[in-house]
């Protein structure tokens, strides 16, 4: 590893000084750095508050897990957003000791956010299938994709 905890902290402080935004480019970069600090340097969630604009443990917890999960599934947008940091601060995400959450496997409610274009496409799907409720359309889409995936 060719970097230190202080190198990561300096990058986080640069992001903290930028105007607050929910742009994926900024959030992904911040989350990647948070994951490295937490999993590699064992920085506690409360200490991470001082390096970020974040103020709740749940947000820090989400940030570190989101970076880990997006990296593991090789999400193209995430990898593009953090590409510069991956080169500067490579991390062995496979070695991170991430506790796996157990989910209720009998039923679950899933909340998602769609972009404007995705929502427009979803609305067209609902109209073409004559479906009135978004939750019914979403469930139908998920079940059909899962069926294809299992084949």
N, C-alpha and C. Protein backbone atom coordinates (compact mmCIF):
# COMPACT_ATOMS: atom_id res chain seq x y z
N UNK A 1 0.87 -1.18 0.00
CA UNK A 1 0.00 0.00 0.00
C UNK A 1 0.90 1.23 0.00
N UNK A 2 0.73 2.08 -0.98
CA UNK A 2 1.59 3.24 -1.12
C UNK A 2 0.96 4.53 -0.63
N UNK A 3 0.06 4.46 0.31
CA UNK A 3 -0.59 5.66 0.84
C UNK A 3 -0.87 5.48 2.32
N UNK A 4 -1.17 6.60 2.97
CA UNK A 4 -1.42 6.57 4.41
C UNK A 4 -2.85 7.02 4.71
N UNK A 5 -3.21 6.86 5.95
CA UNK A 5 -4.51 7.34 6.42
C UNK A 5 -4.64 8.84 6.15
N UNK A 6 -3.57 9.59 6.39
CA UNK A 6 -3.59 11.04 6.18
C UNK A 6 -3.85 11.41 4.72
N UNK A 7 -3.33 10.61 3.79
CA UNK A 7 -3.59 10.86 2.36
C UNK A 7 -5.09 10.77 2.07
N UNK A 8 -5.72 9.76 2.63
CA UNK A 8 -7.17 9.56 2.40
C UNK A 8 -7.95 10.69 3.07
N UNK A 9 -7.56 11.05 4.28
CA UNK A 9 -8.24 12.13 5.02
C UNK A 9 -8.16 13.43 4.23
N UNK A 10 -7.00 13.74 3.67
CA UNK A 10 -6.84 14.98 2.87
C UNK A 10 -7.81 14.99 1.69
N UNK A 11 -7.96 13.85 1.02
CA UNK A 11 -8.90 13.77 -0.11
C UNK A 11 -10.34 13.97 0.36
N UNK A 12 -10.67 13.38 1.48
CA UNK A 12 -12.03 13.55 2.02
C UNK A 12 -12.30 15.00 2.40
N UNK A 13 -11.31 15.64 2.97
CA UNK A 13 -11.48 17.05 3.36
C UNK A 13 -11.66 17.94 2.13
N UNK A 14 -11.01 17.59 1.01
CA UNK A 14 -11.22 18.34 -0.23
C UNK A 14 -12.67 18.21 -0.68
N UNK A 15 -13.19 16.99 -0.61
CA UNK A 15 -14.59 16.76 -1.01
C UNK A 15 -15.52 17.50 -0.05
N UNK A 16 -15.18 17.50 1.23
CA UNK A 16 -16.01 18.18 2.24
C UNK A 16 -16.10 19.67 1.94
N UNK A 17 -15.02 20.25 1.42
CA UNK A 17 -14.99 21.70 1.17
C UNK A 17 -15.80 22.08 -0.08
N UNK A 18 -16.13 21.11 -0.92
CA UNK A 18 -16.93 21.39 -2.10
C UNK A 18 -18.39 21.61 -1.69
N UNK A 19 -19.17 22.31 -2.50
CA UNK A 19 -20.60 22.49 -2.17
C UNK A 19 -21.29 21.14 -2.05
N UNK A 20 -22.25 21.05 -1.11
CA UNK A 20 -22.99 19.81 -0.91
C UNK A 20 -23.77 19.47 -2.16
N UNK A 21 -23.76 18.19 -2.50
CA UNK A 21 -24.47 17.73 -3.69
C UNK A 21 -24.82 16.26 -3.53
N UNK A 22 -25.78 15.82 -4.32
CA UNK A 22 -26.12 14.40 -4.33
C UNK A 22 -25.68 13.77 -5.65
N UNK A 23 -24.80 14.45 -6.36
CA UNK A 23 -24.29 13.92 -7.62
C UNK A 23 -23.52 12.62 -7.36
N UNK A 24 -23.82 11.56 -8.12
CA UNK A 24 -23.12 10.29 -7.90
C UNK A 24 -21.61 10.41 -7.96
N UNK A 25 -21.09 11.29 -8.83
CA UNK A 25 -19.65 11.44 -8.95
C UNK A 25 -19.01 11.79 -7.61
N UNK A 26 -19.62 12.73 -6.89
CA UNK A 26 -19.08 13.16 -5.60
C UNK A 26 -19.34 12.11 -4.53
N UNK A 27 -20.56 11.61 -4.49
CA UNK A 27 -20.93 10.64 -3.45
C UNK A 27 -20.10 9.37 -3.58
N UNK A 28 -19.94 8.85 -4.80
CA UNK A 28 -19.16 7.62 -4.98
C UNK A 28 -17.72 7.80 -4.54
N UNK A 29 -17.13 8.94 -4.87
CA UNK A 29 -15.74 9.21 -4.48
C UNK A 29 -15.63 9.27 -2.96
N UNK A 30 -16.56 9.98 -2.32
CA UNK A 30 -16.55 10.08 -0.86
C UNK A 30 -16.72 8.70 -0.23
N UNK A 31 -17.67 7.93 -0.72
CA UNK A 31 -17.93 6.61 -0.14
C UNK A 31 -16.74 5.66 -0.29
N UNK A 32 -16.05 5.75 -1.42
CA UNK A 32 -14.87 4.92 -1.64
C UNK A 32 -13.81 5.22 -0.57
N UNK A 33 -13.58 6.50 -0.34
CA UNK A 33 -12.59 6.91 0.67
C UNK A 33 -13.02 6.51 2.07
N UNK A 34 -14.30 6.65 2.37
CA UNK A 34 -14.82 6.25 3.68
C UNK A 34 -14.59 4.75 3.88
N UNK A 35 -14.87 3.95 2.86
CA UNK A 35 -14.67 2.50 2.97
C UNK A 35 -13.21 2.16 3.26
N UNK A 36 -12.30 2.83 2.59
CA UNK A 36 -10.87 2.57 2.84
C UNK A 36 -10.50 2.94 4.27
N UNK A 37 -10.94 4.11 4.72
CA UNK A 37 -10.62 4.52 6.09
C UNK A 37 -11.19 3.54 7.11
N UNK A 38 -12.42 3.15 6.89
CA UNK A 38 -13.09 2.28 7.86
C UNK A 38 -12.50 0.86 7.86
N UNK A 39 -12.41 0.27 6.67
CA UNK A 39 -12.01 -1.13 6.60
C UNK A 39 -10.49 -1.34 6.63
N UNK A 40 -9.72 -0.41 6.09
CA UNK A 40 -8.27 -0.58 6.05
C UNK A 40 -7.58 0.00 7.28
N UNK A 41 -8.02 1.23 7.67
CA UNK A 41 -7.34 1.92 8.77
C UNK A 41 -8.13 1.87 10.07
N UNK A 42 -9.25 1.16 10.09
CA UNK A 42 -10.07 0.97 11.29
C UNK A 42 -10.52 2.29 11.92
N UNK A 43 -10.81 3.28 11.09
CA UNK A 43 -11.31 4.56 11.58
C UNK A 43 -12.78 4.38 11.96
N UNK A 44 -13.13 4.78 13.16
CA UNK A 44 -14.50 4.61 13.66
C UNK A 44 -15.44 5.62 13.00
N UNK A 45 -16.72 5.27 12.99
CA UNK A 45 -17.73 6.10 12.33
C UNK A 45 -17.74 7.52 12.89
N UNK A 46 -17.66 7.68 14.19
CA UNK A 46 -17.70 9.02 14.79
C UNK A 46 -16.51 9.87 14.35
N UNK A 47 -15.36 9.27 14.18
CA UNK A 47 -14.19 10.01 13.71
C UNK A 47 -14.38 10.45 12.26
N UNK A 48 -15.08 9.63 11.47
CA UNK A 48 -15.31 9.96 10.07
C UNK A 48 -16.16 11.22 9.91
N UNK A 49 -16.97 11.55 10.91
CA UNK A 49 -17.78 12.78 10.85
C UNK A 49 -16.89 14.01 10.64
N UNK A 50 -15.72 14.00 11.27
CA UNK A 50 -14.85 15.19 11.20
C UNK A 50 -14.24 15.38 9.81
N UNK A 51 -14.23 14.33 9.01
CA UNK A 51 -13.64 14.42 7.68
C UNK A 51 -14.68 14.59 6.57
N UNK A 52 -15.95 14.54 6.93
CA UNK A 52 -17.03 14.61 5.94
C UNK A 52 -18.10 15.60 6.37
N UNK A 53 -19.07 15.80 5.50
CA UNK A 53 -20.25 16.62 5.86
C UNK A 53 -21.33 15.75 6.50
N UNK A 54 -21.05 14.50 6.73
CA UNK A 54 -22.06 13.58 7.24
C UNK A 54 -22.19 13.73 8.75
N UNK A 55 -23.42 13.51 9.23
CA UNK A 55 -23.67 13.74 10.65
C UNK A 55 -24.36 12.58 11.36
N UNK A 56 -24.58 11.48 10.67
CA UNK A 56 -25.22 10.35 11.36
C UNK A 56 -24.46 9.06 11.07
N UNK A 57 -24.45 8.20 12.07
CA UNK A 57 -23.76 6.92 11.92
C UNK A 57 -24.39 6.08 10.82
N UNK A 58 -25.70 6.17 10.68
CA UNK A 58 -26.36 5.37 9.64
C UNK A 58 -25.90 5.79 8.25
N UNK A 59 -25.64 7.08 8.04
CA UNK A 59 -25.18 7.55 6.74
C UNK A 59 -23.76 7.06 6.47
N UNK A 60 -22.91 7.10 7.48
CA UNK A 60 -21.54 6.59 7.34
C UNK A 60 -21.59 5.08 7.07
N UNK A 61 -22.44 4.38 7.81
CA UNK A 61 -22.58 2.94 7.64
C UNK A 61 -23.02 2.62 6.21
N UNK A 62 -23.99 3.38 5.72
CA UNK A 62 -24.46 3.19 4.35
C UNK A 62 -23.34 3.48 3.35
N UNK A 63 -22.59 4.55 3.58
CA UNK A 63 -21.53 4.96 2.66
C UNK A 63 -20.48 3.87 2.50
N UNK A 64 -20.02 3.32 3.60
CA UNK A 64 -18.97 2.30 3.52
C UNK A 64 -19.48 1.02 2.87
N UNK A 65 -20.72 0.65 3.17
CA UNK A 65 -21.29 -0.56 2.59
C UNK A 65 -21.60 -0.37 1.10
N UNK A 66 -22.08 0.82 0.74
CA UNK A 66 -22.40 1.10 -0.66
C UNK A 66 -21.14 0.99 -1.51
N UNK A 67 -20.06 1.59 -1.04
CA UNK A 67 -18.80 1.51 -1.80
C UNK A 67 -18.36 0.06 -1.95
N UNK A 68 -18.41 -0.67 -0.87
CA UNK A 68 -18.01 -2.08 -0.89
C UNK A 68 -18.87 -2.86 -1.89
N UNK A 69 -20.18 -2.72 -1.79
CA UNK A 69 -21.08 -3.48 -2.66
C UNK A 69 -20.93 -3.10 -4.13
N UNK A 70 -20.86 -1.79 -4.40
CA UNK A 70 -20.72 -1.34 -5.79
C UNK A 70 -19.39 -1.79 -6.39
N UNK A 71 -18.34 -1.79 -5.59
CA UNK A 71 -17.04 -2.25 -6.06
C UNK A 71 -17.09 -3.75 -6.36
N UNK A 72 -17.68 -4.50 -5.46
CA UNK A 72 -17.73 -5.96 -5.60
C UNK A 72 -18.52 -6.40 -6.83
N UNK A 73 -19.61 -5.67 -7.14
CA UNK A 73 -20.41 -6.07 -8.30
C UNK A 73 -19.90 -5.40 -9.58
N UNK A 74 -18.83 -4.62 -9.44
CA UNK A 74 -18.20 -3.93 -10.58
C UNK A 74 -19.18 -3.00 -11.31
N UNK A 75 -19.92 -2.22 -10.51
CA UNK A 75 -20.86 -1.26 -11.08
C UNK A 75 -20.10 -0.28 -11.98
N UNK A 76 -20.46 -0.20 -13.27
CA UNK A 76 -19.68 0.62 -14.21
C UNK A 76 -19.65 2.10 -13.86
N UNK A 77 -20.77 2.67 -13.43
CA UNK A 77 -20.80 4.09 -13.08
C UNK A 77 -19.93 4.36 -11.85
N UNK A 78 -20.05 3.52 -10.86
CA UNK A 78 -19.24 3.67 -9.65
C UNK A 78 -17.75 3.59 -10.00
N UNK A 79 -17.37 2.57 -10.76
CA UNK A 79 -15.95 2.40 -11.11
C UNK A 79 -15.44 3.58 -11.93
N UNK A 80 -16.28 4.13 -12.79
CA UNK A 80 -15.89 5.31 -13.56
C UNK A 80 -15.69 6.50 -12.62
N UNK A 81 -16.60 6.67 -11.67
CA UNK A 81 -16.54 7.81 -10.75
C UNK A 81 -15.34 7.75 -9.82
N UNK A 82 -14.91 6.56 -9.46
CA UNK A 82 -13.80 6.43 -8.51
C UNK A 82 -12.49 5.99 -9.17
N UNK A 83 -12.48 5.96 -10.49
CA UNK A 83 -11.31 5.47 -11.22
C UNK A 83 -10.02 6.16 -10.78
N UNK A 84 -10.07 7.47 -10.65
CA UNK A 84 -8.88 8.23 -10.22
C UNK A 84 -8.41 7.76 -8.84
N UNK A 85 -9.34 7.54 -7.93
CA UNK A 85 -8.99 7.11 -6.57
C UNK A 85 -8.51 5.66 -6.55
N UNK A 86 -9.07 4.83 -7.42
CA UNK A 86 -8.62 3.43 -7.48
C UNK A 86 -7.14 3.39 -7.86
N UNK A 87 -6.74 4.29 -8.78
CA UNK A 87 -5.34 4.33 -9.19
C UNK A 87 -4.46 4.90 -8.08
N UNK A 88 -4.93 5.98 -7.43
CA UNK A 88 -4.14 6.61 -6.37
C UNK A 88 -4.14 5.79 -5.08
N UNK A 89 -5.30 5.23 -4.75
CA UNK A 89 -5.48 4.53 -3.47
C UNK A 89 -6.11 3.16 -3.71
N UNK A 90 -5.35 2.26 -4.30
CA UNK A 90 -5.93 0.93 -4.53
C UNK A 90 -6.24 0.25 -3.19
N UNK A 91 -7.35 -0.45 -3.16
CA UNK A 91 -7.73 -1.16 -1.94
C UNK A 91 -8.12 -2.58 -2.30
N UNK A 92 -7.82 -3.49 -1.45
CA UNK A 92 -8.16 -4.88 -1.68
C UNK A 92 -9.50 -5.15 -1.02
N UNK A 93 -10.57 -4.80 -1.74
CA UNK A 93 -11.92 -4.94 -1.20
C UNK A 93 -12.24 -6.38 -0.84
N UNK A 94 -11.60 -7.33 -1.51
CA UNK A 94 -11.85 -8.75 -1.18
C UNK A 94 -11.38 -9.09 0.22
N UNK A 95 -10.42 -8.33 0.73
CA UNK A 95 -9.89 -8.60 2.07
C UNK A 95 -10.66 -7.88 3.17
N UNK A 96 -11.56 -6.98 2.79
CA UNK A 96 -12.30 -6.23 3.81
C UNK A 96 -13.18 -7.18 4.61
N UNK A 97 -13.20 -6.99 5.92
CA UNK A 97 -14.01 -7.81 6.81
C UNK A 97 -15.39 -7.15 6.95
N UNK A 98 -16.25 -7.44 5.99
CA UNK A 98 -17.58 -6.83 5.98
C UNK A 98 -18.58 -7.85 6.49
N UNK A 99 -19.28 -7.47 7.53
CA UNK A 99 -20.29 -8.36 8.09
C UNK A 99 -21.48 -8.39 7.13
N UNK A 100 -21.88 -9.59 6.75
CA UNK A 100 -23.01 -9.76 5.86
C UNK A 100 -24.30 -9.66 6.64
N UNK A 101 -25.26 -8.96 6.07
CA UNK A 101 -26.57 -8.84 6.71
C UNK A 101 -27.45 -9.99 6.28
N UNK A 102 -28.21 -10.49 7.23
CA UNK A 102 -29.19 -11.52 6.90
C UNK A 102 -30.51 -10.82 6.59
N UNK A 103 -31.09 -11.19 5.47
CA UNK A 103 -32.34 -10.56 5.07
C UNK A 103 -33.48 -11.55 5.22
N UNK A 104 -34.66 -11.01 5.47
CA UNK A 104 -35.87 -11.81 5.51
C UNK A 104 -36.08 -12.37 4.12
N UNK A 105 -36.04 -13.67 4.00
CA UNK A 105 -36.16 -14.27 2.67
C UNK A 105 -37.59 -14.66 2.34
N UNK A 106 -38.53 -14.35 3.22
CA UNK A 106 -39.93 -14.71 2.93
C UNK A 106 -40.66 -13.57 2.23
N UNK A 107 -40.31 -12.33 2.55
CA UNK A 107 -40.93 -11.17 1.90
C UNK A 107 -40.09 -9.94 2.20
N UNK A 108 -40.14 -8.98 1.29
CA UNK A 108 -39.37 -7.76 1.49
C UNK A 108 -39.96 -6.64 0.65
N UNK A 109 -39.88 -5.42 1.18
CA UNK A 109 -40.26 -4.24 0.44
C UNK A 109 -38.98 -3.56 -0.02
N UNK A 110 -38.91 -3.24 -1.31
CA UNK A 110 -37.71 -2.66 -1.88
C UNK A 110 -38.04 -1.27 -2.40
N UNK A 111 -37.24 -0.30 -2.00
CA UNK A 111 -37.42 1.08 -2.47
C UNK A 111 -36.29 1.40 -3.44
N UNK A 112 -36.64 2.01 -4.59
CA UNK A 112 -35.62 2.37 -5.58
C UNK A 112 -35.84 3.80 -6.05
N UNK A 113 -34.80 4.38 -6.57
CA UNK A 113 -34.89 5.72 -7.17
C UNK A 113 -34.56 5.58 -8.65
N UNK A 114 -35.40 6.18 -9.48
CA UNK A 114 -35.19 6.13 -10.93
C UNK A 114 -34.86 7.53 -11.44
N UNK A 115 -34.02 7.58 -12.45
CA UNK A 115 -33.74 8.86 -13.11
C UNK A 115 -34.97 9.27 -13.91
N UNK A 116 -34.96 10.46 -14.41
CA UNK A 116 -36.08 10.94 -15.22
C UNK A 116 -36.32 10.03 -16.42
N UNK A 117 -35.25 9.69 -17.13
CA UNK A 117 -35.38 8.82 -18.31
C UNK A 117 -35.86 7.42 -17.94
N UNK A 118 -35.35 6.89 -16.84
CA UNK A 118 -35.78 5.57 -16.40
C UNK A 118 -37.26 5.58 -16.02
N UNK A 119 -37.67 6.65 -15.34
CA UNK A 119 -39.07 6.77 -14.94
C UNK A 119 -39.98 6.89 -16.16
N UNK A 120 -39.54 7.64 -17.16
CA UNK A 120 -40.32 7.77 -18.39
C UNK A 120 -40.46 6.40 -19.07
N UNK A 121 -39.39 5.66 -19.13
CA UNK A 121 -39.42 4.33 -19.73
C UNK A 121 -40.33 3.40 -18.92
N UNK A 122 -40.24 3.48 -17.61
CA UNK A 122 -41.08 2.67 -16.73
C UNK A 122 -42.55 3.02 -16.93
N UNK A 123 -42.85 4.29 -17.07
CA UNK A 123 -44.23 4.73 -17.32
C UNK A 123 -44.75 4.19 -18.66
N UNK A 124 -43.90 4.21 -19.68
CA UNK A 124 -44.30 3.64 -20.97
C UNK A 124 -44.58 2.15 -20.85
N UNK A 125 -43.75 1.46 -20.07
CA UNK A 125 -43.97 0.04 -19.83
C UNK A 125 -45.33 -0.19 -19.17
N UNK A 126 -45.62 0.61 -18.15
CA UNK A 126 -46.90 0.48 -17.45
C UNK A 126 -48.07 0.71 -18.40
N UNK A 127 -47.95 1.73 -19.24
CA UNK A 127 -49.03 2.03 -20.19
C UNK A 127 -49.21 0.89 -21.19
N UNK A 128 -48.10 0.39 -21.71
CA UNK A 128 -48.21 -0.68 -22.72
C UNK A 128 -48.80 -1.96 -22.13
N UNK A 129 -48.55 -2.21 -20.85
CA UNK A 129 -49.07 -3.41 -20.19
C UNK A 129 -50.40 -3.14 -19.48
N UNK A 130 -50.86 -1.88 -19.57
CA UNK A 130 -52.11 -1.47 -18.91
C UNK A 130 -52.10 -1.78 -17.40
N UNK A 131 -50.98 -1.38 -16.79
CA UNK A 131 -50.81 -1.56 -15.34
C UNK A 131 -50.95 -0.20 -14.68
N UNK A 132 -51.82 -0.12 -13.66
CA UNK A 132 -52.08 1.16 -12.99
C UNK A 132 -51.13 1.45 -11.84
N UNK A 133 -50.67 0.42 -11.16
CA UNK A 133 -49.87 0.62 -9.95
C UNK A 133 -48.39 0.34 -10.22
N UNK A 134 -47.53 1.31 -9.88
CA UNK A 134 -46.09 1.11 -10.11
C UNK A 134 -45.54 -0.12 -9.40
N UNK A 135 -46.02 -0.42 -8.20
CA UNK A 135 -45.49 -1.58 -7.47
C UNK A 135 -45.81 -2.89 -8.18
N UNK A 136 -46.96 -2.94 -8.86
CA UNK A 136 -47.32 -4.14 -9.61
C UNK A 136 -46.41 -4.28 -10.83
N UNK A 137 -46.17 -3.18 -11.53
CA UNK A 137 -45.29 -3.20 -12.71
C UNK A 137 -43.86 -3.57 -12.31
N UNK A 138 -43.37 -2.98 -11.21
CA UNK A 138 -42.01 -3.26 -10.76
C UNK A 138 -41.87 -4.74 -10.40
N UNK A 139 -42.86 -5.27 -9.70
CA UNK A 139 -42.81 -6.68 -9.31
C UNK A 139 -42.82 -7.57 -10.54
N UNK A 140 -43.65 -7.23 -11.52
CA UNK A 140 -43.73 -8.00 -12.76
C UNK A 140 -42.39 -8.00 -13.49
N UNK A 141 -41.76 -6.83 -13.58
CA UNK A 141 -40.45 -6.73 -14.23
C UNK A 141 -39.39 -7.54 -13.49
N UNK A 142 -39.37 -7.41 -12.19
CA UNK A 142 -38.37 -8.14 -11.39
C UNK A 142 -38.55 -9.64 -11.55
N UNK A 143 -39.78 -10.11 -11.47
CA UNK A 143 -40.03 -11.55 -11.59
C UNK A 143 -39.64 -12.07 -12.97
N UNK A 144 -39.91 -11.30 -14.01
CA UNK A 144 -39.56 -11.77 -15.36
C UNK A 144 -38.03 -11.79 -15.55
N UNK A 145 -37.33 -10.80 -15.02
CA UNK A 145 -35.87 -10.80 -15.11
C UNK A 145 -35.27 -11.93 -14.29
N UNK A 146 -35.81 -12.17 -13.10
CA UNK A 146 -35.30 -13.26 -12.27
C UNK A 146 -35.51 -14.61 -12.95
N UNK A 147 -36.64 -14.75 -13.62
CA UNK A 147 -36.90 -16.01 -14.34
C UNK A 147 -35.85 -16.21 -15.44
N UNK A 148 -35.56 -15.15 -16.19
CA UNK A 148 -34.53 -15.23 -17.23
C UNK A 148 -33.16 -15.53 -16.63
N UNK A 149 -32.86 -14.90 -15.53
CA UNK A 149 -31.56 -15.09 -14.88
C UNK A 149 -31.38 -16.53 -14.39
N UNK A 150 -32.45 -17.11 -13.89
CA UNK A 150 -32.36 -18.48 -13.35
C UNK A 150 -32.26 -19.53 -14.45
N UNK A 151 -32.63 -19.18 -15.67
CA UNK A 151 -32.57 -20.16 -16.77
C UNK A 151 -31.18 -20.44 -17.24
